[in-house]
Full PDB file with SEQRES, HELIX, SHEET, SSBOND, CRYST1, ORIGX, SCALE, CONECT and MASTER records, all heavy atoms in Angstrom:
SEQRES   1 A   33  ALA THR LEU ILE ARG LEU GLY ILE PRO PHE ALA VAL TRP          
SEQRES   2 A   33  HIS GLU GLY PRO THR LYS ARG ARG PRO LYS CYS LEU TYR          
SEQRES   3 A   33  TRP CYS SER ASP PRO PHE PRO                                  
HELIX    1 AA1 THR A    2  LEU A    6  1                                   5    
SHEET    1 AA1 2 VAL A  12  TRP A  13  0                                        
SHEET    2 AA1 2 TRP A  27  CYS A  28  1                                        
CRYST1    1.000    1.000    1.000  90.00  90.00  90.00 P 1           1          
ORIGX1      1.000000  0.000000  0.000000        0.00000                         
ORIGX2      0.000000  1.000000  0.000000        0.00000                         
ORIGX3      0.000000  0.000000  1.000000        0.00000                         
SCALE1      1.000000  0.000000  0.000000        0.00000                         
SCALE2      0.000000  1.000000  0.000000        0.00000                         
SCALE3      0.000000  0.000000  1.000000        0.00000                         
ATOM      1  N   ALA A   1     -35.500  49.189  58.864  1.00  0.00           N  
ATOM      2  CA  ALA A   1     -34.103  49.475  59.210  1.00  0.00           C  
ATOM      3  C   ALA A   1     -33.181  48.353  58.748  1.00  0.00           C  
ATOM      4  O   ALA A   1     -32.078  48.600  58.246  1.00  0.00           O  
ATOM      5  CB  ALA A   1     -33.977  49.695  60.717  1.00  0.00           C  
ATOM      6  N   THR A   2     -33.640  47.099  58.902  1.00  0.00           N  
ATOM      7  CA  THR A   2     -32.833  45.951  58.475  1.00  0.00           C  
ATOM      8  C   THR A   2     -32.676  45.932  56.961  1.00  0.00           C  
ATOM      9  O   THR A   2     -31.581  45.691  56.437  1.00  0.00           O  
ATOM     10  CB  THR A   2     -33.467  44.635  58.960  1.00  0.00           C  
ATOM     11  OG1 THR A   2     -33.531  44.648  60.386  1.00  0.00           O  
ATOM     12  CG2 THR A   2     -32.665  43.440  58.496  1.00  0.00           C  
ATOM     13  N   LEU A   3     -33.766  46.189  56.228  1.00  0.00           N  
ATOM     14  CA  LEU A   3     -33.700  46.204  54.771  1.00  0.00           C  
ATOM     15  C   LEU A   3     -32.770  47.302  54.272  1.00  0.00           C  
ATOM     16  O   LEU A   3     -32.000  47.097  53.324  1.00  0.00           O  
ATOM     17  CB  LEU A   3     -35.108  46.387  54.194  1.00  0.00           C  
ATOM     18  CG  LEU A   3     -36.077  45.218  54.413  1.00  0.00           C  
ATOM     19  CD1 LEU A   3     -37.494  45.616  54.012  1.00  0.00           C  
ATOM     20  CD2 LEU A   3     -35.626  43.985  53.649  1.00  0.00           C  
ATOM     21  N   ILE A   4     -32.835  48.468  54.911  1.00  0.00           N  
ATOM     22  CA  ILE A   4     -31.943  49.570  54.535  1.00  0.00           C  
ATOM     23  C   ILE A   4     -30.492  49.188  54.793  1.00  0.00           C  
ATOM     24  O   ILE A   4     -29.604  49.433  53.966  1.00  0.00           O  
ATOM     25  CB  ILE A   4     -32.326  50.852  55.307  1.00  0.00           C  
ATOM     26  CG1 ILE A   4     -33.686  51.371  54.810  1.00  0.00           C  
ATOM     27  CG2 ILE A   4     -31.259  51.931  55.139  1.00  0.00           C  
ATOM     28  CD1 ILE A   4     -34.266  52.488  55.662  1.00  0.00           C  
ATOM     29  N   ARG A   5     -30.228  48.586  55.966  1.00  0.00           N  
ATOM     30  CA  ARG A   5     -28.862  48.205  56.329  1.00  0.00           C  
ATOM     31  C   ARG A   5     -28.301  47.162  55.350  1.00  0.00           C  
ATOM     32  O   ARG A   5     -27.109  47.170  55.031  1.00  0.00           O  
ATOM     33  CB  ARG A   5     -28.828  47.663  57.750  1.00  0.00           C  
ATOM     34  CG  ARG A   5     -27.415  47.390  58.272  1.00  0.00           C  
ATOM     35  CD  ARG A   5     -27.397  47.140  59.771  1.00  0.00           C  
ATOM     36  NE  ARG A   5     -28.167  45.972  60.157  1.00  0.00           N  
ATOM     37  CZ  ARG A   5     -29.311  46.005  60.817  1.00  0.00           C  
ATOM     38  NH1 ARG A   5     -29.848  47.178  61.154  1.00  0.00           N  
ATOM     39  NH2 ARG A   5     -29.942  44.901  61.149  1.00  0.00           N  
ATOM     40  N   LEU A   6     -29.164  46.261  54.876  1.00  0.00           N  
ATOM     41  CA  LEU A   6     -28.727  45.231  53.939  1.00  0.00           C  
ATOM     42  C   LEU A   6     -28.702  45.717  52.488  1.00  0.00           C  
ATOM     43  O   LEU A   6     -28.274  44.995  51.593  1.00  0.00           O  
ATOM     44  CB  LEU A   6     -29.640  44.008  54.048  1.00  0.00           C  
ATOM     45  CG  LEU A   6     -29.601  43.244  55.370  1.00  0.00           C  
ATOM     46  CD1 LEU A   6     -30.658  42.159  55.393  1.00  0.00           C  
ATOM     47  CD2 LEU A   6     -28.224  42.646  55.611  1.00  0.00           C  
ATOM     48  N   GLY A   7     -29.187  46.937  52.261  1.00  0.00           N  
ATOM     49  CA  GLY A   7     -29.194  47.481  50.914  1.00  0.00           C  
ATOM     50  C   GLY A   7     -30.236  46.860  50.009  1.00  0.00           C  
ATOM     51  O   GLY A   7     -30.066  46.812  48.783  1.00  0.00           O  
ATOM     52  N   ILE A   8     -31.346  46.365  50.590  1.00  0.00           N  
ATOM     53  CA  ILE A   8     -32.410  45.723  49.811  1.00  0.00           C  
ATOM     54  C   ILE A   8     -33.491  46.745  49.482  1.00  0.00           C  
ATOM     55  O   ILE A   8     -34.056  47.356  50.385  1.00  0.00           O  
ATOM     56  CB  ILE A   8     -33.023  44.546  50.601  1.00  0.00           C  
ATOM     57  CG1 ILE A   8     -31.963  43.473  50.850  1.00  0.00           C  
ATOM     58  CG2 ILE A   8     -34.220  43.964  49.866  1.00  0.00           C  
ATOM     59  CD1 ILE A   8     -32.430  42.349  51.754  1.00  0.00           C  
ATOM     60  N   PRO A   9     -33.799  46.982  48.212  1.00  0.00           N  
ATOM     61  CA  PRO A   9     -34.867  47.924  47.864  1.00  0.00           C  
ATOM     62  C   PRO A   9     -36.224  47.401  48.312  1.00  0.00           C  
ATOM     63  O   PRO A   9     -36.508  46.204  48.209  1.00  0.00           O  
ATOM     64  CB  PRO A   9     -34.783  48.020  46.340  1.00  0.00           C  
ATOM     65  CG  PRO A   9     -34.100  46.764  45.905  1.00  0.00           C  
ATOM     66  CD  PRO A   9     -33.179  46.376  47.017  1.00  0.00           C  
ATOM     67  N   PHE A  10     -37.082  48.306  48.799  1.00  0.00           N  
ATOM     68  CA  PHE A  10     -38.384  47.870  49.288  1.00  0.00           C  
ATOM     69  C   PHE A  10     -39.406  48.995  49.170  1.00  0.00           C  
ATOM     70  O   PHE A  10     -39.069  50.180  49.129  1.00  0.00           O  
ATOM     71  CB  PHE A  10     -38.291  47.399  50.742  1.00  0.00           C  
ATOM     72  CG  PHE A  10     -37.966  48.486  51.742  1.00  0.00           C  
ATOM     73  CD1 PHE A  10     -38.961  49.083  52.505  1.00  0.00           C  
ATOM     74  CD2 PHE A  10     -36.651  48.904  51.923  1.00  0.00           C  
ATOM     75  CE1 PHE A  10     -38.664  50.076  53.421  1.00  0.00           C  
ATOM     76  CE2 PHE A  10     -36.334  49.896  52.844  1.00  0.00           C  
ATOM     77  CZ  PHE A  10     -37.338  50.481  53.598  1.00  0.00           C  
ATOM     78  N   ALA A  11     -40.679  48.589  49.121  1.00  0.00           N  
ATOM     79  CA  ALA A  11     -41.810  49.514  49.161  1.00  0.00           C  
ATOM     80  C   ALA A  11     -42.644  49.172  50.386  1.00  0.00           C  
ATOM     81  O   ALA A  11     -42.552  48.064  50.919  1.00  0.00           O  
ATOM     82  CB  ALA A  11     -42.646  49.391  47.891  1.00  0.00           C  
ATOM     83  N   VAL A  12     -43.464  50.126  50.830  1.00  0.00           N  
ATOM     84  CA  VAL A  12     -44.252  49.927  52.045  1.00  0.00           C  
ATOM     85  C   VAL A  12     -45.716  50.252  51.774  1.00  0.00           C  
ATOM     86  O   VAL A  12     -46.031  51.288  51.179  1.00  0.00           O  
ATOM     87  CB  VAL A  12     -43.740  50.812  53.207  1.00  0.00           C  
ATOM     88  CG1 VAL A  12     -44.624  50.629  54.445  1.00  0.00           C  
ATOM     89  CG2 VAL A  12     -42.289  50.492  53.537  1.00  0.00           C  
ATOM     90  N   TRP A  13     -46.601  49.360  52.218  1.00  0.00           N  
ATOM     91  CA  TRP A  13     -48.047  49.624  52.214  1.00  0.00           C  
ATOM     92  C   TRP A  13     -48.508  49.558  53.662  1.00  0.00           C  
ATOM     93  O   TRP A  13     -48.549  48.495  54.268  1.00  0.00           O  
ATOM     94  CB  TRP A  13     -48.757  48.579  51.368  1.00  0.00           C  
ATOM     95  CG  TRP A  13     -50.247  48.790  51.254  1.00  0.00           C  
ATOM     96  CD1 TRP A  13     -50.969  49.873  51.661  1.00  0.00           C  
ATOM     97  CD2 TRP A  13     -51.194  47.881  50.662  1.00  0.00           C  
ATOM     98  NE1 TRP A  13     -52.298  49.711  51.379  1.00  0.00           N  
ATOM     99  CE2 TRP A  13     -52.472  48.491  50.767  1.00  0.00           C  
ATOM    100  CE3 TRP A  13     -51.084  46.627  50.072  1.00  0.00           C  
ATOM    101  CZ2 TRP A  13     -53.615  47.861  50.290  1.00  0.00           C  
ATOM    102  CZ3 TRP A  13     -52.226  46.010  49.600  1.00  0.00           C  
ATOM    103  CH2 TRP A  13     -53.475  46.622  49.702  1.00  0.00           C  
ATOM    104  N   HIS A  14     -48.821  50.718  54.216  1.00  0.00           N  
ATOM    105  CA  HIS A  14     -49.229  50.800  55.621  1.00  0.00           C  
ATOM    106  C   HIS A  14     -50.511  51.608  55.700  1.00  0.00           C  
ATOM    107  O   HIS A  14     -50.549  52.761  55.274  1.00  0.00           O  
ATOM    108  CB  HIS A  14     -48.132  51.460  56.453  1.00  0.00           C  
ATOM    109  CG  HIS A  14     -48.426  51.500  57.920  1.00  0.00           C  
ATOM    110  ND1 HIS A  14     -48.345  50.379  58.715  1.00  0.00           N  
ATOM    111  CD2 HIS A  14     -48.822  52.521  58.737  1.00  0.00           C  
ATOM    112  CE1 HIS A  14     -48.650  50.706  59.974  1.00  0.00           C  
ATOM    113  NE2 HIS A  14     -48.961  51.991  59.998  1.00  0.00           N  
ATOM    114  N   GLU A  15     -51.570  51.009  56.246  1.00  0.00           N  
ATOM    115  CA  GLU A  15     -52.842  51.731  56.302  1.00  0.00           C  
ATOM    116  C   GLU A  15     -52.839  52.716  57.466  1.00  0.00           C  
ATOM    117  O   GLU A  15     -52.879  52.320  58.617  1.00  0.00           O  
ATOM    118  CB  GLU A  15     -54.021  50.769  56.404  1.00  0.00           C  
ATOM    119  CG  GLU A  15     -53.953  49.759  57.521  1.00  0.00           C  
ATOM    120  CD  GLU A  15     -55.245  48.981  57.651  1.00  0.00           C  
ATOM    121  OE1 GLU A  15     -56.166  49.183  56.836  1.00  0.00           O  
ATOM    122  OE2 GLU A  15     -55.342  48.172  58.579  1.00  0.00           O  
ATOM    123  N   GLY A  16     -52.764  53.996  57.138  1.00  0.00           N  
ATOM    124  CA  GLY A  16     -52.792  55.016  58.179  1.00  0.00           C  
ATOM    125  C   GLY A  16     -51.482  55.765  58.301  1.00  0.00           C  
ATOM    126  O   GLY A  16     -50.460  55.389  57.722  1.00  0.00           O  
ATOM    127  N   PRO A  17     -51.495  56.851  59.076  1.00  0.00           N  
ATOM    128  CA  PRO A  17     -50.298  57.694  59.221  1.00  0.00           C  
ATOM    129  C   PRO A  17     -49.243  57.062  60.124  1.00  0.00           C  
ATOM    130  O   PRO A  17     -49.526  56.168  60.914  1.00  0.00           O  
ATOM    131  CB  PRO A  17     -50.860  58.965  59.865  1.00  0.00           C  
ATOM    132  CG  PRO A  17     -52.043  58.487  60.655  1.00  0.00           C  
ATOM    133  CD  PRO A  17     -52.630  57.364  59.852  1.00  0.00           C  
ATOM    134  N   THR A  18     -48.034  57.518  59.991  1.00  0.00           N  
ATOM    135  CA  THR A  18     -46.945  57.115  60.876  1.00  0.00           C  
ATOM    136  C   THR A  18     -46.019  58.301  61.071  1.00  0.00           C  
ATOM    137  O   THR A  18     -45.960  59.198  60.220  1.00  0.00           O  
ATOM    138  CB  THR A  18     -46.175  55.911  60.286  1.00  0.00           C  
ATOM    139  OG1 THR A  18     -45.209  55.459  61.237  1.00  0.00           O  
ATOM    140  CG2 THR A  18     -45.475  56.289  58.995  1.00  0.00           C  
ATOM    141  N   LYS A  19     -45.321  58.333  62.181  1.00  0.00           N  
ATOM    142  CA  LYS A  19     -44.492  59.497  62.512  1.00  0.00           C  
ATOM    143  C   LYS A  19     -43.334  59.675  61.536  1.00  0.00           C  
ATOM    144  O   LYS A  19     -43.033  60.765  61.092  1.00  0.00           O  
ATOM    145  CB  LYS A  19     -43.968  59.368  63.943  1.00  0.00           C  
ATOM    146  CG  LYS A  19     -45.041  59.506  65.014  1.00  0.00           C  
ATOM    147  CD  LYS A  19     -44.442  59.413  66.413  1.00  0.00           C  
ATOM    148  CE  LYS A  19     -45.531  59.563  67.478  1.00  0.00           C  
ATOM    149  NZ  LYS A  19     -44.969  59.447  68.851  1.00  0.00           N  
ATOM    150  N   ARG A  20     -42.663  58.566  61.220  1.00  0.00           N  
ATOM    151  CA  ARG A  20     -41.505  58.646  60.339  1.00  0.00           C  
ATOM    152  C   ARG A  20     -41.617  57.606  59.237  1.00  0.00           C  
ATOM    153  O   ARG A  20     -41.912  56.450  59.491  1.00  0.00           O  
ATOM    154  CB  ARG A  20     -40.212  58.413  61.122  1.00  0.00           C  
ATOM    155  CG  ARG A  20     -39.901  59.502  62.138  1.00  0.00           C  
ATOM    156  CD  ARG A  20     -38.564  59.219  62.816  1.00  0.00           C  
ATOM    157  NE  ARG A  20     -38.241  60.244  63.797  1.00  0.00           N  
ATOM    158  CZ  ARG A  20     -37.149  60.241  64.556  1.00  0.00           C  
ATOM    159  NH1 ARG A  20     -36.283  59.231  64.438  1.00  0.00           N  
ATOM    160  NH2 ARG A  20     -36.919  61.203  65.428  1.00  0.00           N  
ATOM    161  N   ARG A  21     -41.359  58.070  58.020  1.00  0.00           N  
ATOM    162  CA  ARG A  21     -41.361  57.149  56.892  1.00  0.00           C  
ATOM    163  C   ARG A  21     -39.921  56.835  56.492  1.00  0.00           C  
ATOM    164  O   ARG A  21     -39.106  57.743  56.352  1.00  0.00           O  
ATOM    165  CB  ARG A  21     -42.094  57.756  55.701  1.00  0.00           C  
ATOM    166  CG  ARG A  21     -43.578  58.011  55.950  1.00  0.00           C  
ATOM    167  CD  ARG A  21     -44.237  58.513  54.681  1.00  0.00           C  
ATOM    168  NE  ARG A  21     -45.652  58.758  54.884  1.00  0.00           N  
ATOM    169  CZ  ARG A  21     -46.488  59.163  53.917  1.00  0.00           C  
ATOM    170  NH1 ARG A  21     -46.012  59.348  52.681  1.00  0.00           N  
ATOM    171  NH2 ARG A  21     -47.756  59.360  54.177  1.00  0.00           N  
ATOM    172  N   PRO A  22     -39.603  55.570  56.271  1.00  0.00           N  
ATOM    173  CA  PRO A  22     -38.243  55.235  55.844  1.00  0.00           C  
ATOM    174  C   PRO A  22     -38.019  55.632  54.385  1.00  0.00           C  
ATOM    175  O   PRO A  22     -38.972  55.812  53.623  1.00  0.00           O  
ATOM    176  CB  PRO A  22     -38.211  53.713  56.006  1.00  0.00           C  
ATOM    177  CG  PRO A  22     -39.635  53.300  55.792  1.00  0.00           C  
ATOM    178  CD  PRO A  22     -40.467  54.393  56.392  1.00  0.00           C  
ATOM    179  N   LYS A  23     -36.775  55.750  54.008  1.00  0.00           N  
ATOM    180  CA  LYS A  23     -36.447  56.008  52.612  1.00  0.00           C  
ATOM    181  C   LYS A  23     -36.619  54.704  51.841  1.00  0.00           C  
ATOM    182  O   LYS A  23     -35.881  53.746  52.042  1.00  0.00           O  
ATOM    183  CB  LYS A  23     -35.010  56.512  52.494  1.00  0.00           C  
ATOM    184  CG  LYS A  23     -34.787  57.884  53.128  1.00  0.00           C  
ATOM    185  CD  LYS A  23     -33.345  58.341  52.962  1.00  0.00           C  
ATOM    186  CE  LYS A  23     -33.152  59.715  53.599  1.00  0.00           C  
ATOM    187  NZ  LYS A  23     -31.732  60.169  53.472  1.00  0.00           N  
ATOM    188  N   CYS A  24     -37.619  54.687  50.957  1.00  0.00           N  
ATOM    189  CA  CYS A  24     -37.933  53.456  50.242  1.00  0.00           C  
ATOM    190  C   CYS A  24     -38.392  53.780  48.827  1.00  0.00           C  
ATOM    191  O   CYS A  24     -38.521  54.952  48.449  1.00  0.00           O  
ATOM    192  CB  CYS A  24     -39.007  52.668  50.994  1.00  0.00           C  
ATOM    193  SG  CYS A  24     -40.546  53.563  51.277  1.00  0.00           S  
ATOM    194  N   LEU A  25     -38.653  52.736  48.047  1.00  0.00           N  
ATOM    195  CA  LEU A  25     -39.086  52.934  46.666  1.00  0.00           C  
ATOM    196  C   LEU A  25     -40.406  53.683  46.576  1.00  0.00           C  
ATOM    197  O   LEU A  25     -40.600  54.544  45.709  1.00  0.00           O  
ATOM    198  CB  LEU A  25     -39.242  51.565  45.980  1.00  0.00           C  
ATOM    199  CG  LEU A  25     -37.984  50.701  45.825  1.00  0.00           C  
ATOM    200  CD1 LEU A  25     -38.379  49.308  45.345  1.00  0.00           C  
ATOM    201  CD2 LEU A  25     -37.020  51.356  44.850  1.00  0.00           C  
ATOM    202  N   TYR A  26     -41.331  53.334  47.481  1.00  0.00           N  
ATOM    203  CA  TYR A  26     -42.683  53.899  47.414  1.00  0.00           C  
ATOM    204  C   TYR A  26     -43.374  53.658  48.737  1.00  0.00           C  
ATOM    205  O   TYR A  26     -43.199  52.610  49.361  1.00  0.00           O  
ATOM    206  CB  TYR A  26     -43.460  53.226  46.274  1.00  0.00           C  
ATOM    207  CG  TYR A  26     -44.892  53.659  46.114  1.00  0.00           C  
ATOM    208  CD1 TYR A  26     -45.218  54.955  45.712  1.00  0.00           C  
ATOM    209  CD2 TYR A  26     -45.929  52.767  46.376  1.00  0.00           C  
ATOM    210  CE1 TYR A  26     -46.550  55.340  45.570  1.00  0.00           C  
ATOM    211  CE2 TYR A  26     -47.251  53.136  46.227  1.00  0.00           C  
ATOM    212  CZ  TYR A  26     -47.563  54.435  45.826  1.00  0.00           C  
ATOM    213  OH  TYR A  26     -48.874  54.811  45.691  1.00  0.00           O  
ATOM    214  N   TRP A  27     -44.159  54.645  49.171  1.00  0.00           N  
ATOM    215  CA  TRP A  27     -44.927  54.525  50.419  1.00  0.00           C  
ATOM    216  C   TRP A  27     -46.406  54.720  50.100  1.00  0.00           C  
ATOM    217  O   TRP A  27     -46.782  55.674  49.428  1.00  0.00           O  
ATOM    218  CB  TRP A  27     -44.480  55.567  51.440  1.00  0.00           C  
ATOM    219  CG  TRP A  27     -45.268  55.527  52.719  1.00  0.00           C  
ATOM    220  CD1 TRP A  27     -46.500  56.071  52.939  1.00  0.00           C  
ATOM    221  CD2 TRP A  27     -44.891  54.899  53.938  1.00  0.00           C  
ATOM    222  NE1 TRP A  27     -46.911  55.822  54.223  1.00  0.00           N  
ATOM    223  CE2 TRP A  27     -45.938  55.105  54.866  1.00  0.00           C  
ATOM    224  CE3 TRP A  27     -43.762  54.189  54.354  1.00  0.00           C  
ATOM    225  CZ2 TRP A  27     -45.894  54.624  56.174  1.00  0.00           C  
ATOM    226  CZ3 TRP A  27     -43.715  53.713  55.647  1.00  0.00           C  
ATOM    227  CH2 TRP A  27     -44.777  53.932  56.546  1.00  0.00           C  
ATOM    228  N   CYS A  28     -47.245  53.805  50.578  1.00  0.00           N  
ATOM    229  CA  CYS A  28     -48.684  53.883  50.343  1.00  0.00           C  
ATOM    230  C   CYS A  28     -49.410  53.832  51.682  1.00  0.00           C  
ATOM    231  O   CYS A  28     -49.136  52.949  52.498  1.00  0.00           O  
ATOM    232  CB  CYS A  28     -49.128  52.727  49.460  1.00  0.00           C  
ATOM    233  SG  CYS A  28     -50.902  52.654  49.174  1.00  0.00           S  
ATOM    234  N   SER A  29     -50.332  54.768  51.912  1.00  0.00           N  
ATOM    235  CA  SER A  29     -51.062  54.831  53.184  1.00  0.00           C  
ATOM    236  C   SER A  29     -52.536  54.479  53.042  1.00  0.00           C  
ATOM    237  O   SER A  29     -53.334  54.763  53.938  1.00  0.00           O  
ATOM    238  CB  SER A  29     -50.940  56.244  53.786  1.00  0.00           C  
ATOM    239  OG  SER A  29     -49.599  56.556  54.060  1.00  0.00           O  
ATOM    240  N   ASP A  30     -52.936  53.858  51.929  1.00  0.00           N  
ATOM    241  CA  ASP A  30     -54.337  53.508  51.724  1.00  0.00           C  
ATOM    242  C   ASP A  30     -54.752  52.331  52.608  1.00  0.00           C  
ATOM    243  O   ASP A  30     -53.943  51.460  52.913  1.00  0.00           O  
ATOM    244  CB  ASP A  30     -54.573  53.141  50.261  1.00  0.00           C  
ATOM    245  CG  ASP A  30     -54.474  54.348  49.355  1.00  0.00           C  
ATOM    246  OD1 ASP A  30     -53.402  54.977  49.339  1.00  0.00           O  
ATOM    247  OD2 ASP A  30     -55.444  54.660  48.656  1.00  0.00           O  
ATOM    248  N   PRO A  31     -56.027  52.270  53.031  1.00  0.00           N  
ATOM    249  CA  PRO A  31     -56.503  51.149  53.862  1.00  0.00           C  
ATOM    250  C   PRO A  31     -56.480  49.837  53.089  1.00  0.00           C  
ATOM    251  O   PRO A  31     -56.565  49.820  51.862  1.00  0.00           O  
ATOM    252  CB  PRO A  31     -57.939  51.565  54.223  1.00  0.00           C  
ATOM    253  CG  PRO A  31     -58.337  52.548  53.169  1.00  0.00           C  
ATOM    254  CD  PRO A  31     -57.092  53.267  52.781  1.00  0.00           C  
ATOM    255  N   PHE A  32     -56.381  48.727  53.839  1.00  0.00           N  
ATOM    256  CA  PHE A  32     -56.389  47.407  53.218  1.00  0.00           C  
ATOM    257  C   PHE A  32     -57.811  47.061  52.777  1.00  0.00           C  
ATOM    258  O   PHE A  32     -58.747  47.151  53.575  1.00  0.00           O  
ATOM    259  CB  PHE A  32     -55.918  46.331  54.198  1.00  0.00           C  
ATOM    260  CG  PHE A  32     -54.513  46.530  54.710  1.00  0.00           C  
ATOM    261  CD1 PHE A  32     -54.177  46.166  56.008  1.00  0.00           C  
ATOM    262  CD2 PHE A  32     -53.523  47.064  53.890  1.00  0.00           C  
ATOM    263  CE1 PHE A  32     -52.896  46.333  56.479  1.00  0.00           C  
ATOM    264  CE2 PHE A  32     -52.231  47.247  54.355  1.00  0.00           C  
ATOM    265  CZ  PHE A  32     -51.909  46.876  55.661  1.00  0.00           C  
ATOM    266  N   PRO A  33     -58.014  46.640  51.518  1.00  0.00           N  
ATOM    267  CA  PRO A  33     -59.340  46.188  51.088  1.00  0.00           C  
ATOM    268  C   PRO A  33     -59.779  44.960  51.872  1.00  0.00           C  
ATOM    269  O   PRO A  33     -58.960  44.232  52.440  1.00  0.00           O  
ATOM    270  CB  PRO A  33     -59.139  45.854  49.605  1.00  0.00           C  
ATOM    271  CG  PRO A  33     -57.937  46.649  49.190  1.00  0.00           C  
ATOM    272  CD  PRO A  33     -57.056  46.671  50.404  1.00  0.00           C  
TER     273      PRO A  33                                                      
MASTER        0    0    0    1    2    0    0    6  272    1    0    3          
END                                                                             
């Protein structure tokens, strides 16, 4: 939310599902090696 408010482009790597995904460059749900 802070990155969106500041207008900073970002991508997310989160292992597992989440209820809501933010609007971002790219979302990845793969587990961490």
